[in-house]
Amino acid sequence: MSILEAMAQGIPVIAPNVGGLNEIIDNGLQGYLINDRDPKSFAERCNYLYKNKNLLKIMGNAAREKITKHFSVNQMVSRYYYLYRSVLNF
C-alpha cells in the first residue's frame, strides 16, 4: 500500500523489481524498478531524481495519473464487481 499511497501523492517510487510491482510501476515512467536490492543502486536512482527536478515532477505527475486511472477506489470496486460476476456466471 505504501507504494500506491506515495504514487497517489505524486511521488515517483524506486523499488525492487519483485512480486507485482512491475504491474504498478512502469520503469522509467512513474519511478524506477531496480533489479536487485542493492543499496547502491537504490541510492543512485534517488540521487539521480534529486538532481533532476524536472524529471522528478514529470514522473510524479505520471505516478498520480496512473493511480487515479487504474487503482482508485472506484476502479478497484468495479474490478471486484466484474470478477464476482464472472465467478458466479452472471
Protein backbone atom coordinates (compact mmCIF):
# COMPACT_ATOMS: atom_id res chain seq x y z
CA MET A 1 0.00 0.00 0.00
CA SER A 2 2.81 2.44 0.72
CA ILE A 3 3.84 2.43 -2.95
CA LEU A 4 0.28 3.17 -4.08
CA GLU A 5 -0.06 5.89 -1.45
CA ALA A 6 3.22 7.55 -2.46
CA MET A 7 2.26 7.49 -6.12
CA ALA A 8 -1.19 8.90 -5.32
CA GLN A 9 0.62 11.87 -3.73
CA GLY A 10 2.69 12.43 -6.87
CA ILE A 11 5.89 10.83 -5.62
CA PRO A 12 7.77 8.61 -8.06
CA VAL A 13 8.78 5.31 -6.47
CA ILE A 14 12.08 3.48 -6.56
CA ALA A 15 11.54 -0.16 -5.66
CA PRO A 16 12.99 -3.61 -6.27
CA ASN A 17 11.56 -5.44 -9.26
CA VAL A 18 9.84 -8.15 -7.22
CA GLY A 19 6.32 -9.51 -6.94
CA GLY A 20 3.74 -7.50 -8.80
CA LEU A 21 5.46 -4.14 -8.54
CA ASN A 22 6.10 -4.14 -12.29
CA GLU A 23 2.31 -4.08 -12.74
CA ILE A 24 2.16 -0.83 -10.78
CA ILE A 25 5.37 0.96 -11.78
CA ASP A 26 6.39 1.31 -15.42
CA ASN A 27 10.16 1.52 -15.13
CA GLY A 28 11.31 4.98 -16.08
CA LEU A 29 7.78 6.45 -16.23
CA GLN A 30 6.36 6.57 -12.67
CA GLY A 31 9.62 5.72 -10.96
CA TYR A 32 12.29 3.08 -11.22
CA LEU A 33 12.45 -0.64 -10.66
CA ILE A 34 15.86 -1.86 -9.61
CA ASN A 35 16.84 -5.43 -10.41
CA ASP A 36 18.37 -6.16 -7.08
CA ARG A 37 18.10 -5.00 -3.52
CA ASP A 38 21.47 -3.31 -3.70
CA PRO A 39 21.50 -0.13 -1.59
CA LYS A 40 23.94 1.45 -4.05
CA SER A 41 21.51 1.04 -6.98
CA PHE A 42 18.71 2.48 -4.87
CA ALA A 43 20.84 5.45 -3.78
CA GLU A 44 21.96 6.14 -7.35
CA ARG A 45 18.35 6.38 -8.55
CA CYS A 46 17.38 8.58 -5.60
CA ASN A 47 20.31 10.88 -6.28
CA TYR A 48 19.50 11.00 -9.99
CA LEU A 49 15.93 12.14 -9.30
CA TYR A 50 17.13 14.60 -6.67
CA LYS A 51 19.41 16.24 -9.23
CA ASN A 52 16.76 16.21 -11.99
CA LYS A 53 13.86 18.18 -10.51
CA ASN A 54 12.01 18.41 -13.83
CA LEU A 55 12.11 14.64 -14.28
CA LEU A 56 11.02 14.20 -10.66
CA LYS A 57 7.98 16.36 -11.35
CA ILE A 58 7.14 14.59 -14.63
CA MET A 59 7.41 11.15 -13.02
CA GLY A 60 5.41 12.31 -10.00
CA ASN A 61 2.59 13.52 -12.22
CA ALA A 62 2.67 10.25 -14.19
CA ALA A 63 2.55 8.29 -10.92
CA ARG A 64 -0.50 10.21 -9.68
CA GLU A 65 -2.23 9.80 -13.04
CA LYS A 66 -1.64 6.04 -13.11
CA ILE A 67 -3.04 5.58 -9.61
CA THR A 68 -6.08 7.72 -10.39
CA LYS A 69 -6.73 5.86 -13.64
CA HIS A 70 -6.01 2.28 -12.59
CA PHE A 71 -6.03 1.97 -8.80
CA SER A 72 -8.66 4.36 -7.49
CA VAL A 73 -11.35 3.07 -5.13
CA ASN A 74 -13.90 3.22 -7.95
CA GLN A 75 -11.63 1.23 -10.26
CA MET A 76 -10.95 -1.43 -7.65
CA VAL A 77 -14.64 -1.77 -6.73
CA SER A 78 -15.54 -2.10 -10.39
CA ARG A 79 -12.91 -4.78 -10.94
CA TYR A 80 -14.07 -6.80 -7.93
CA TYR A 81 -17.68 -6.45 -9.08
CA TYR A 82 -16.88 -7.89 -12.52
CA LEU A 83 -14.70 -10.58 -11.00
CA TYR A 84 -17.51 -11.73 -8.72
CA ARG A 85 -19.98 -11.63 -11.59
CA SER A 86 -17.72 -13.76 -13.75
CA VAL A 87 -17.16 -16.29 -10.97
CA LEU A 88 -20.92 -16.53 -10.33
CA ASN A 89 -21.67 -16.64 -14.10
CA PHE A 90 -23.92 -13.55 -14.10
